Amino acid sequence: MILRILQWIVAQEWLMGMLGFLFGPFNPFTSKFRRDPYTVYRKMREEQPLYKSRVFMAHIATTYEDVQFVLRSKSFTTDRMNTDIMQAINKSIQKDPEFSAMVERNLLMLDGAEHRKLRGLVGKAFTPRRIEALREHIQARVDSLLDDMSVSEDVALIRDLAHPLPISVIVELLGLPHQDIPKFAAWSKYLAQLLDPLQATGGDAGIRKAVKELNAHLRPILEDRRKSPKDDLLSAMLAAEENGVKLDERDLLALVSLIMVAGHETTTNLIGNSVIELLRNPGERKRLQDDPSLIETAVDEFLRYCGSVMLTDRAAIEDCEVGGKKIRKGQMVVCVVAAANRDPAQFKNPEQLDLGRTENPHLGLGLGNHFCLGSQLAKLETEIVISTLLRRFPNFTGPTEPKDYVRSMILRGPQELPLDLATHSPERGPQLG
């Protein structure tokens, strides 16, 4: 009930605007902020690079130096279960063992020995070879979706391409039934609300229901893979072993949930943001069309300049110092990677999109022990989508400003983006890059 009330309050943008004085420079609950968070981040980075927010009960770091330090530092952890806010939430989730396990046992919440054990086991299954083997499937799926778009009079990037692609790739990767893709997409949408529950709706009832339904759906599939392994990620995770330890069912279910959310919503938004920037920067778009070999550096630049993940956070496990300020044990630091990725102290001409940028140590995929496990997959999907779209429909047009962005302070991407493909020829050709 409390979460429902908070969600209703946050959804009242007129109220959030009136309460702006409470938030100080960081108020992510307005459409103005969603349209252009970078202006806010730039001002914070210049004037209050480590801002102490009373509303969020956290320090907000916006410089590359501070964000990088926190993400690497052993003084901070992703295990937030001992923070005040998680202690309060924990009382509620403990009443639901399945939901509790999904929250507590996913890699985003674990750290130390437990994280190393799980990450090591998953890493044995989530190999570069397995991801590269998906290239043909991804290309075929992108071409199929573009074929459908080419004969439609109503073309929408997110609905028709950026949203359906990642979930179909994840289903293929895991070895799940393709006919159940609509179900997995629906469950993924609910699970993604955990990233920013205040900007969701309906309390947590939908999330809890999705967890139960997904787990119930997966259990017989896992049992089948135990008896009859296949060449898929589920079978590989079941077989992975380190020092005699294997993944148990609880951890497997939590990992599948995480793969669905992290691999779906983030990639959808990255594709959406990348296409918008191509529309906004015709010079860079032409540069990539003229030299398709730039596609890899282009995707890294999209991750820096308009990545889908805005921020992450860490909890201090001891008293320490960040940016010359004292951080007490148990306090949270919000690392705004989107602000760090445009820090002029680290990047030359950071406000300029440069698809040929070679010196690009961006933080769009994280850093250190929690570097994105699915980074290669997200980049591969984005490379294929952008290169194929530019090749097949070189004259596509669309708005440079979407009507609105997703309601989240964690993720950023357009709610939708209508496109005019400017040609209806479904002719295919060799893939760029």
Protein backbone atom coordinates (compact mmCIF):
# COMPACT_ATOMS: atom_id res chain seq x y z
CA MET A 1 0.00 0.00 0.00
CA ILE A 2 2.81 2.41 0.90
CA LEU A 3 4.51 1.75 -2.45
CA ARG A 4 1.24 2.38 -4.31
CA ILE A 5 0.85 5.74 -2.55
CA LEU A 6 4.44 6.74 -3.34
CA GLN A 7 3.97 5.72 -6.97
CA TRP A 8 0.82 7.84 -7.22
CA ILE A 9 2.61 10.85 -5.73
CA VAL A 10 5.58 10.50 -8.08
CA ALA A 11 3.24 10.20 -11.07
CA GLN A 12 1.75 13.65 -10.34
CA GLU A 13 4.22 15.74 -12.31
CA TRP A 14 2.62 19.03 -11.28
CA LEU A 15 3.25 18.03 -7.67
CA MET A 16 6.81 16.91 -8.37
CA GLY A 17 7.43 20.29 -10.00
CA MET A 18 6.04 22.15 -7.00
CA LEU A 19 8.22 20.08 -4.66
CA GLY A 20 11.33 20.77 -6.70
CA PHE A 21 12.82 22.83 -3.86
CA LEU A 22 13.03 19.63 -1.80
CA PHE A 23 15.00 17.80 -4.50
CA GLY A 24 17.55 20.53 -5.17
CA PRO A 25 19.31 20.11 -8.54
CA PHE A 26 18.36 16.44 -8.92
CA ASN A 27 14.65 15.89 -9.54
CA PRO A 28 14.24 12.95 -11.98
CA PHE A 29 10.45 12.81 -11.68
CA THR A 30 9.50 15.36 -14.34
CA SER A 31 9.09 15.15 -18.10
CA LYS A 32 11.49 18.09 -18.47
CA PHE A 33 14.22 16.08 -16.77
CA ARG A 34 13.46 12.98 -18.87
CA ARG A 35 13.75 14.99 -22.08
CA ASP A 36 17.14 16.44 -21.18
CA PRO A 37 18.90 15.06 -18.10
CA TYR A 38 22.31 15.97 -19.52
CA THR A 39 21.90 19.71 -18.90
CA VAL A 40 21.11 18.93 -15.25
CA TYR A 41 24.04 16.57 -14.97
CA ARG A 42 26.43 19.09 -16.52
CA LYS A 43 25.37 21.79 -14.06
CA MET A 44 25.69 19.40 -11.12
CA ARG A 45 29.11 18.24 -12.29
CA GLU A 46 30.30 21.84 -12.54
CA GLU A 47 28.69 23.23 -9.37
CA GLN A 48 27.98 20.33 -6.99
CA PRO A 49 29.90 17.29 -8.24
CA LEU A 50 29.11 15.25 -5.11
CA TYR A 51 25.65 16.46 -4.14
CA LYS A 52 24.09 15.24 -0.89
CA SER A 53 20.42 14.60 -1.53
CA ARG A 54 18.21 14.48 1.56
CA VAL A 55 15.26 13.17 -0.46
CA PHE A 56 17.21 10.18 -1.77
CA MET A 57 19.36 9.84 1.37
CA ALA A 58 22.46 9.53 -0.80
CA HIS A 59 25.40 11.38 -2.26
CA ILE A 60 25.12 11.83 -6.03
CA ALA A 61 28.43 11.62 -7.91
CA THR A 62 28.67 13.14 -11.39
CA THR A 63 32.38 13.39 -12.27
CA TYR A 64 34.24 10.65 -14.10
CA GLU A 65 36.90 10.53 -11.40
CA ASP A 66 34.42 10.06 -8.54
CA VAL A 67 32.16 7.61 -10.36
CA GLN A 68 35.11 5.49 -11.48
CA PHE A 69 36.54 5.53 -7.95
CA VAL A 70 33.30 4.34 -6.34
CA LEU A 71 32.70 1.62 -8.93
CA ARG A 72 36.22 0.26 -8.38
CA SER A 73 36.62 0.87 -4.65
CA LYS A 74 36.60 -1.98 -2.15
CA SER A 75 35.05 0.49 0.30
CA PHE A 76 31.74 0.14 -1.56
CA THR A 77 29.46 -2.78 -2.29
CA THR A 78 26.45 -3.68 -4.43
CA ASP A 79 25.09 -5.67 -1.48
CA ARG A 80 22.53 -3.15 -0.30
CA MET A 81 20.65 -5.46 2.06
CA ASN A 82 22.08 -3.77 5.16
CA THR A 83 21.13 -0.24 4.13
CA ASP A 84 18.21 1.40 5.92
CA ILE A 85 15.94 1.42 2.88
CA MET A 86 16.57 -2.25 2.04
CA GLN A 87 16.03 -3.26 5.65
CA ALA A 88 12.59 -1.68 5.47
CA ILE A 89 11.83 -3.36 2.14
CA ASN A 90 13.20 -6.68 3.36
CA LYS A 91 10.47 -6.97 6.00
CA SER A 92 7.93 -7.03 3.19
CA ILE A 93 9.69 -9.29 0.68
CA GLN A 94 10.57 -11.94 3.27
CA LYS A 95 6.87 -12.85 3.34
CA ASP A 96 7.23 -13.99 -0.29
CA PRO A 97 10.15 -16.48 -0.58
CA GLU A 98 10.19 -16.59 -4.39
CA PHE A 99 10.21 -12.81 -4.71
CA SER A 100 12.80 -12.52 -1.93
CA ALA A 101 15.14 -15.00 -3.64
CA MET A 102 14.85 -13.16 -6.95
CA VAL A 103 15.77 -9.84 -5.28
CA GLU A 104 18.51 -11.10 -2.98
CA ARG A 105 20.20 -13.67 -5.25
CA ASN A 106 20.58 -11.70 -8.48
CA LEU A 107 24.07 -10.56 -9.46
CA LEU A 108 23.16 -6.87 -9.13
CA MET A 109 22.67 -7.30 -5.38
CA LEU A 110 25.47 -9.75 -4.57
CA ASP A 111 29.11 -8.95 -3.88
CA GLY A 112 32.26 -10.54 -2.54
CA ALA A 113 32.68 -14.32 -2.49
CA GLU A 114 29.05 -15.05 -3.37
CA HIS A 115 29.19 -12.76 -6.39
CA ARG A 116 32.51 -14.23 -7.55
CA LYS A 117 31.12 -17.77 -7.26
CA LEU A 118 27.94 -17.06 -9.22
CA ARG A 119 29.64 -14.84 -11.79
CA GLY A 120 32.34 -17.48 -12.29
CA LEU A 121 29.78 -20.20 -12.88
CA VAL A 122 27.68 -18.10 -15.26
CA GLY A 123 30.82 -16.95 -17.05
CA LYS A 124 31.64 -20.57 -17.88
CA ALA A 125 28.35 -20.73 -19.77
CA PHE A 126 28.02 -17.15 -21.04
CA THR A 127 31.01 -17.33 -23.37
CA PRO A 128 32.03 -15.03 -26.26
CA ARG A 129 31.73 -18.05 -28.58
CA ARG A 130 28.11 -18.61 -27.54
CA ILE A 131 27.27 -14.93 -28.14
CA GLU A 132 29.01 -14.79 -31.52
CA ALA A 133 27.10 -17.90 -32.55
CA LEU A 134 23.92 -15.81 -32.29
CA ARG A 135 25.03 -13.42 -35.05
CA GLU A 136 23.21 -15.30 -37.83
CA HIS A 137 20.02 -15.55 -35.76
CA ILE A 138 20.13 -11.84 -34.87
CA GLN A 139 20.69 -10.83 -38.49
CA ALA A 140 17.83 -13.02 -39.69
CA ARG A 141 15.51 -11.66 -37.01
CA VAL A 142 16.41 -8.02 -37.80
CA ASP A 143 15.83 -8.62 -41.51
CA SER A 144 12.49 -10.26 -40.80
CA LEU A 145 11.33 -7.36 -38.63
CA LEU A 146 12.50 -4.83 -41.22
CA ASP A 147 10.70 -6.78 -43.93
CA ASP A 148 7.46 -6.34 -42.00
CA MET A 149 8.20 -2.66 -41.40
CA SER A 150 8.94 -2.07 -45.09
CA VAL A 151 5.38 -2.92 -46.10
CA SER A 152 3.65 -1.12 -43.25
CA GLU A 153 2.20 2.36 -43.44
CA ASP A 154 2.61 2.81 -39.69
CA VAL A 155 6.22 2.22 -38.64
CA ALA A 156 7.34 2.62 -35.02
CA LEU A 157 10.95 1.86 -34.06
CA ILE A 158 10.37 0.60 -30.52
CA ARG A 159 7.20 -1.39 -31.14
CA ASP A 160 8.32 -2.92 -34.43
CA LEU A 161 12.06 -3.48 -33.94
CA ALA A 162 13.83 -2.35 -30.77
CA HIS A 163 11.39 -4.05 -28.37
CA PRO A 164 10.71 -7.42 -30.06
CA LEU A 165 14.31 -8.09 -31.08
CA PRO A 166 16.12 -8.41 -27.71
CA ILE A 167 13.56 -10.73 -26.09
CA SER A 168 13.60 -13.06 -29.10
CA VAL A 169 17.42 -13.15 -28.92
CA ILE A 170 17.33 -13.93 -25.18
CA VAL A 171 14.81 -16.72 -25.76
CA GLU A 172 17.09 -18.17 -28.46
CA LEU A 173 20.16 -17.82 -26.22
CA LEU A 174 18.52 -19.56 -23.26
CA GLY A 175 16.89 -22.21 -25.41
CA LEU A 176 13.34 -21.37 -24.36
CA PRO A 177 10.22 -22.07 -26.45
CA HIS A 178 9.80 -19.43 -29.17
CA GLN A 179 6.03 -19.66 -29.04
CA ASP A 180 6.19 -18.27 -25.50
CA ILE A 181 7.97 -15.04 -26.49
CA PRO A 182 4.86 -12.89 -25.77
CA LYS A 183 4.73 -14.32 -22.23
CA PHE A 184 8.44 -13.71 -21.64
CA ALA A 185 8.10 -10.15 -22.96
CA ALA A 186 5.23 -9.46 -20.55
CA TRP A 187 7.11 -10.93 -17.57
CA SER A 188 10.23 -8.97 -18.51
CA LYS A 189 8.24 -5.72 -18.57
CA TYR A 190 7.05 -6.30 -15.01
CA LEU A 191 10.45 -7.44 -13.73
CA ALA A 192 12.06 -4.30 -15.17
CA GLN A 193 9.96 -2.24 -12.75
CA LEU A 194 12.27 -3.46 -9.98
CA LEU A 195 14.97 -1.17 -11.37
CA ASP A 196 12.88 1.90 -10.50
CA PRO A 197 9.80 0.82 -8.50
CA LEU A 198 8.76 4.39 -7.63
CA GLN A 199 7.98 5.12 -11.28
CA ALA A 200 6.06 1.90 -11.83
CA THR A 201 2.36 1.41 -11.14
CA GLY A 202 0.20 -0.95 -9.09
CA GLY A 203 2.57 -1.39 -6.18
CA ASP A 204 4.60 -4.59 -6.45
CA ALA A 205 1.69 -6.97 -7.08
CA GLY A 206 2.42 -7.25 -10.80
CA ILE A 207 6.11 -7.90 -10.19
CA ARG A 208 5.39 -10.62 -7.62
CA LYS A 209 2.89 -12.28 -9.95
CA ALA A 210 5.39 -12.17 -12.83
CA VAL A 211 8.09 -13.80 -10.67
CA LYS A 212 5.76 -16.64 -9.67
CA GLU A 213 4.51 -17.24 -13.21
CA LEU A 214 8.00 -17.10 -14.75
CA ASN A 215 9.44 -19.48 -12.14
CA ALA A 216 6.54 -21.90 -12.58
CA HIS A 217 7.09 -21.80 -16.35
CA LEU A 218 10.84 -22.36 -16.06
CA ARG A 219 10.94 -25.21 -13.54
CA PRO A 220 9.75 -27.98 -15.92
CA ILE A 221 12.06 -26.62 -18.63
CA LEU A 222 15.02 -26.79 -16.23
CA GLU A 223 14.07 -30.34 -15.29
CA ASP A 224 13.94 -31.28 -18.96
CA ARG A 225 17.41 -29.78 -19.55
CA ARG A 226 18.81 -31.75 -16.61
CA LYS A 227 17.61 -34.97 -18.24
CA SER A 228 18.29 -33.97 -21.85
CA PRO A 229 20.87 -31.15 -22.18
CA LYS A 230 20.90 -29.06 -25.36
CA ASP A 231 23.30 -26.55 -26.87
CA ASP A 232 21.81 -23.56 -25.06
CA LEU A 233 22.63 -21.28 -22.15
CA LEU A 234 20.21 -23.01 -19.74
CA SER A 235 21.94 -26.36 -20.27
CA ALA A 236 25.36 -24.74 -20.01
CA MET A 237 24.47 -23.04 -16.72
CA LEU A 238 23.12 -26.31 -15.34
CA ALA A 239 26.38 -28.04 -16.29
CA ALA A 240 28.71 -25.27 -15.08
CA GLU A 241 30.75 -26.33 -12.08
CA GLU A 242 33.55 -24.77 -10.04
CA ASN A 243 35.29 -26.51 -7.14
CA GLY A 244 32.51 -29.06 -7.06
CA VAL A 245 29.80 -26.37 -6.79
CA LYS A 246 26.95 -26.01 -9.26
CA LEU A 247 24.18 -23.43 -9.58
CA ASP A 248 21.11 -24.42 -7.56
CA GLU A 249 17.55 -23.86 -8.78
CA ARG A 250 17.10 -20.68 -6.75
CA ASP A 251 20.15 -19.03 -8.32
CA LEU A 252 19.29 -20.28 -11.80
CA LEU A 253 15.81 -18.77 -11.63
CA ALA A 254 17.21 -15.45 -10.36
CA LEU A 255 19.80 -15.43 -13.16
CA VAL A 256 17.23 -16.06 -15.88
CA SER A 257 15.13 -13.19 -14.52
CA LEU A 258 18.16 -10.89 -14.54
CA ILE A 259 19.18 -11.91 -18.08
CA MET A 260 15.68 -11.13 -19.30
CA VAL A 261 15.55 -7.68 -17.72
CA ALA A 262 19.15 -6.61 -18.30
CA GLY A 263 19.25 -8.02 -21.80
CA HIS A 264 15.87 -6.72 -22.91
CA GLU A 265 15.10 -3.22 -21.60
CA THR A 266 18.66 -1.88 -21.77
CA THR A 267 19.17 -3.01 -25.38
CA THR A 268 15.76 -1.72 -26.47
CA ASN A 269 16.57 1.72 -25.06
CA LEU A 270 20.11 1.76 -26.46
CA ILE A 271 18.78 1.09 -29.96
CA GLY A 272 16.14 3.80 -29.57
CA ASN A 273 18.65 6.38 -28.31
CA SER A 274 21.15 5.50 -31.06
CA VAL A 275 18.63 6.00 -33.86
CA ILE A 276 17.57 9.35 -32.38
CA GLU A 277 21.19 10.52 -32.37
CA LEU A 278 21.62 9.45 -36.01
CA LEU A 279 18.60 11.61 -36.86
CA ARG A 280 19.99 14.52 -34.85
CA ASN A 281 23.51 14.26 -36.30
CA PRO A 282 23.24 13.86 -40.09
CA GLY A 283 26.97 14.44 -40.54
CA GLU A 284 27.89 11.52 -38.30
CA ARG A 285 25.17 9.40 -39.86
CA LYS A 286 26.61 9.99 -43.33
CA ARG A 287 30.08 9.27 -41.97
CA LEU A 288 28.93 5.84 -40.77
CA GLN A 289 27.06 5.14 -44.00
CA ASP A 290 30.16 6.04 -46.03
CA ASP A 291 32.44 3.94 -43.79
CA PRO A 292 30.55 0.94 -42.35
CA SER A 293 33.76 -0.29 -40.67
CA LEU A 294 33.14 2.35 -37.99
CA ILE A 295 30.19 0.41 -36.58
CA GLU A 296 32.07 -0.95 -33.54
CA THR A 297 33.43 2.44 -32.44
CA ALA A 298 30.01 3.92 -33.25
CA VAL A 299 28.24 1.62 -30.79
CA ASP A 300 30.80 2.41 -28.09
CA GLU A 301 30.17 6.09 -28.74
CA PHE A 302 26.42 5.57 -28.45
CA LEU A 303 27.07 3.85 -25.10
CA ARG A 304 29.05 6.89 -23.97
CA TYR A 305 26.95 9.66 -25.45
CA CYS A 306 23.40 8.29 -25.11
CA GLY A 307 23.63 5.01 -23.22
CA SER A 308 20.46 3.49 -21.81
CA VAL A 309 21.72 3.20 -18.21
CA MET A 310 21.79 6.57 -16.47
CA LEU A 311 23.04 5.61 -13.04
CA THR A 312 23.76 2.90 -10.52
CA ASP A 313 24.50 2.99 -6.81
CA ARG A 314 26.79 1.54 -4.16
CA ALA A 315 26.70 1.28 -0.36
CA ALA A 316 29.74 2.20 1.74
CA ILE A 317 30.96 -0.71 3.88
CA GLU A 318 33.32 1.53 5.85
CA ASP A 319 33.96 5.21 6.47
CA CYS A 320 35.79 6.63 3.46
CA GLU A 321 36.29 9.70 1.29
CA VAL A 322 34.98 10.51 -2.18
CA GLY A 323 35.83 13.75 -3.94
CA GLY A 324 37.20 15.18 -0.70
CA LYS A 325 33.97 14.49 1.20
CA LYS A 326 33.45 12.00 4.00
CA ILE A 327 31.12 9.09 3.34
CA ARG A 328 30.00 7.16 6.41
CA LYS A 329 29.56 3.41 6.57
CA GLY A 330 26.07 2.46 5.35
CA GLN A 331 25.57 5.60 3.24
CA MET A 332 24.69 5.31 -0.43
CA VAL A 333 26.50 6.92 -3.36
CA VAL A 334 24.59 7.24 -6.62
CA CYS A 335 27.01 6.99 -9.55
CA VAL A 336 25.62 8.94 -12.51
CA VAL A 337 27.47 7.21 -15.34
CA ALA A 338 25.64 9.37 -17.90
CA ALA A 339 27.23 12.46 -16.33
CA ALA A 340 30.66 10.84 -16.02
CA ASN A 341 30.56 9.86 -19.69
CA ARG A 342 30.35 13.52 -20.67
CA ASP A 343 32.99 14.81 -18.28
CA PRO A 344 35.41 17.11 -20.17
CA ALA A 345 38.13 16.15 -17.70
CA GLN A 346 38.10 12.68 -19.27
CA PHE A 347 36.76 13.08 -22.82
CA LYS A 348 37.70 15.50 -25.58
CA ASN A 349 34.65 17.42 -26.84
CA PRO A 350 32.33 15.29 -24.67
CA GLU A 351 29.13 17.01 -25.85
CA GLN A 352 29.92 16.07 -29.45
CA LEU A 353 28.88 12.73 -30.96
CA ASP A 354 31.98 11.27 -32.62
CA LEU A 355 31.31 7.85 -34.16
CA GLY A 356 35.01 7.39 -34.88
CA ARG A 357 36.11 8.11 -31.29
CA THR A 358 38.89 5.65 -30.46
CA GLU A 359 39.94 6.81 -26.99
CA ASN A 360 36.67 6.00 -25.30
CA PRO A 361 36.89 4.53 -21.77
CA HIS A 362 33.16 5.05 -21.21
CA LEU A 363 31.32 3.61 -18.23
CA GLY A 364 28.16 2.73 -20.13
CA LEU A 365 28.62 -0.98 -19.38
CA GLY A 366 29.83 -0.60 -15.82
CA LEU A 367 33.29 -1.18 -14.40
CA GLY A 368 35.23 -3.65 -12.31
CA ASN A 369 33.68 -6.82 -10.91
CA HIS A 370 30.22 -5.74 -12.02
CA PHE A 371 31.06 -4.97 -15.64
CA CYS A 372 28.00 -5.94 -17.70
CA LEU A 373 27.98 -9.70 -18.24
CA GLY A 374 25.93 -9.30 -21.43
CA SER A 375 27.95 -6.44 -22.90
CA GLN A 376 29.00 -8.37 -26.00
CA LEU A 377 25.41 -9.37 -26.75
CA ALA A 378 24.04 -5.82 -26.33
CA LYS A 379 26.75 -4.43 -28.60
CA LEU A 380 26.27 -7.15 -31.21
CA GLU A 381 22.51 -6.55 -31.41
CA THR A 382 22.96 -2.78 -31.67
CA GLU A 383 25.67 -3.12 -34.32
CA ILE A 384 23.47 -5.35 -36.48
CA VAL A 385 20.35 -3.19 -36.07
CA ILE A 386 22.09 0.10 -36.89
CA SER A 387 24.17 -1.24 -39.77
CA THR A 388 21.22 -3.07 -41.35
CA LEU A 389 18.83 -0.14 -40.94
CA LEU A 390 21.31 2.23 -42.58
CA ARG A 391 22.02 -0.17 -45.43
CA ARG A 392 18.46 -1.18 -46.25
CA PHE A 393 16.80 2.18 -45.64
CA PRO A 394 19.53 4.81 -46.07
CA ASN A 395 17.04 7.67 -46.34
CA PHE A 396 14.85 6.88 -43.33
CA THR A 397 13.54 9.88 -41.44
CA GLY A 398 11.87 10.52 -38.11
CA PRO A 399 11.50 13.06 -35.31
CA THR A 400 14.64 14.19 -33.52
CA GLU A 401 12.65 14.55 -30.30
CA PRO A 402 10.29 11.77 -29.14
CA LYS A 403 7.05 12.68 -27.40
CA ASP A 404 8.36 11.29 -24.12
CA TYR A 405 10.95 9.04 -22.61
CA VAL A 406 10.43 6.00 -20.40
CA ARG A 407 9.51 6.88 -16.82
CA SER A 408 12.71 5.87 -15.04
CA MET A 409 15.70 7.51 -13.41
CA ILE A 410 17.77 4.37 -14.08
CA LEU A 411 17.01 3.75 -17.76
CA ARG A 412 16.57 6.25 -20.57
CA GLY A 413 15.02 5.66 -23.94
CA PRO A 414 12.12 6.91 -26.07
CA GLN A 415 8.66 5.62 -25.32
CA GLU A 416 8.23 5.41 -29.08
CA LEU A 417 9.73 6.81 -32.27
CA PRO A 418 7.72 6.84 -35.53
CA LEU A 419 9.83 6.37 -38.65
CA ASP A 420 9.38 6.94 -42.35
CA LEU A 421 11.61 4.40 -44.04
CA ALA A 422 11.49 6.49 -47.24
CA THR A 423 11.49 3.32 -49.35
CA HIS A 424 9.55 0.10 -49.32
CA SER A 425 12.11 -2.09 -50.96
CA PRO A 426 12.74 -5.19 -48.80
CA GLU A 427 15.84 -6.04 -50.79
CA ARG A 428 18.62 -7.46 -48.65
CA GLY A 429 22.34 -7.35 -49.04
CA PRO A 430 25.57 -8.11 -47.16
CA GLN A 431 25.67 -6.94 -43.57
CA LEU A 432 27.65 -3.80 -42.84
CA GLY A 433 30.69 -4.10 -40.65
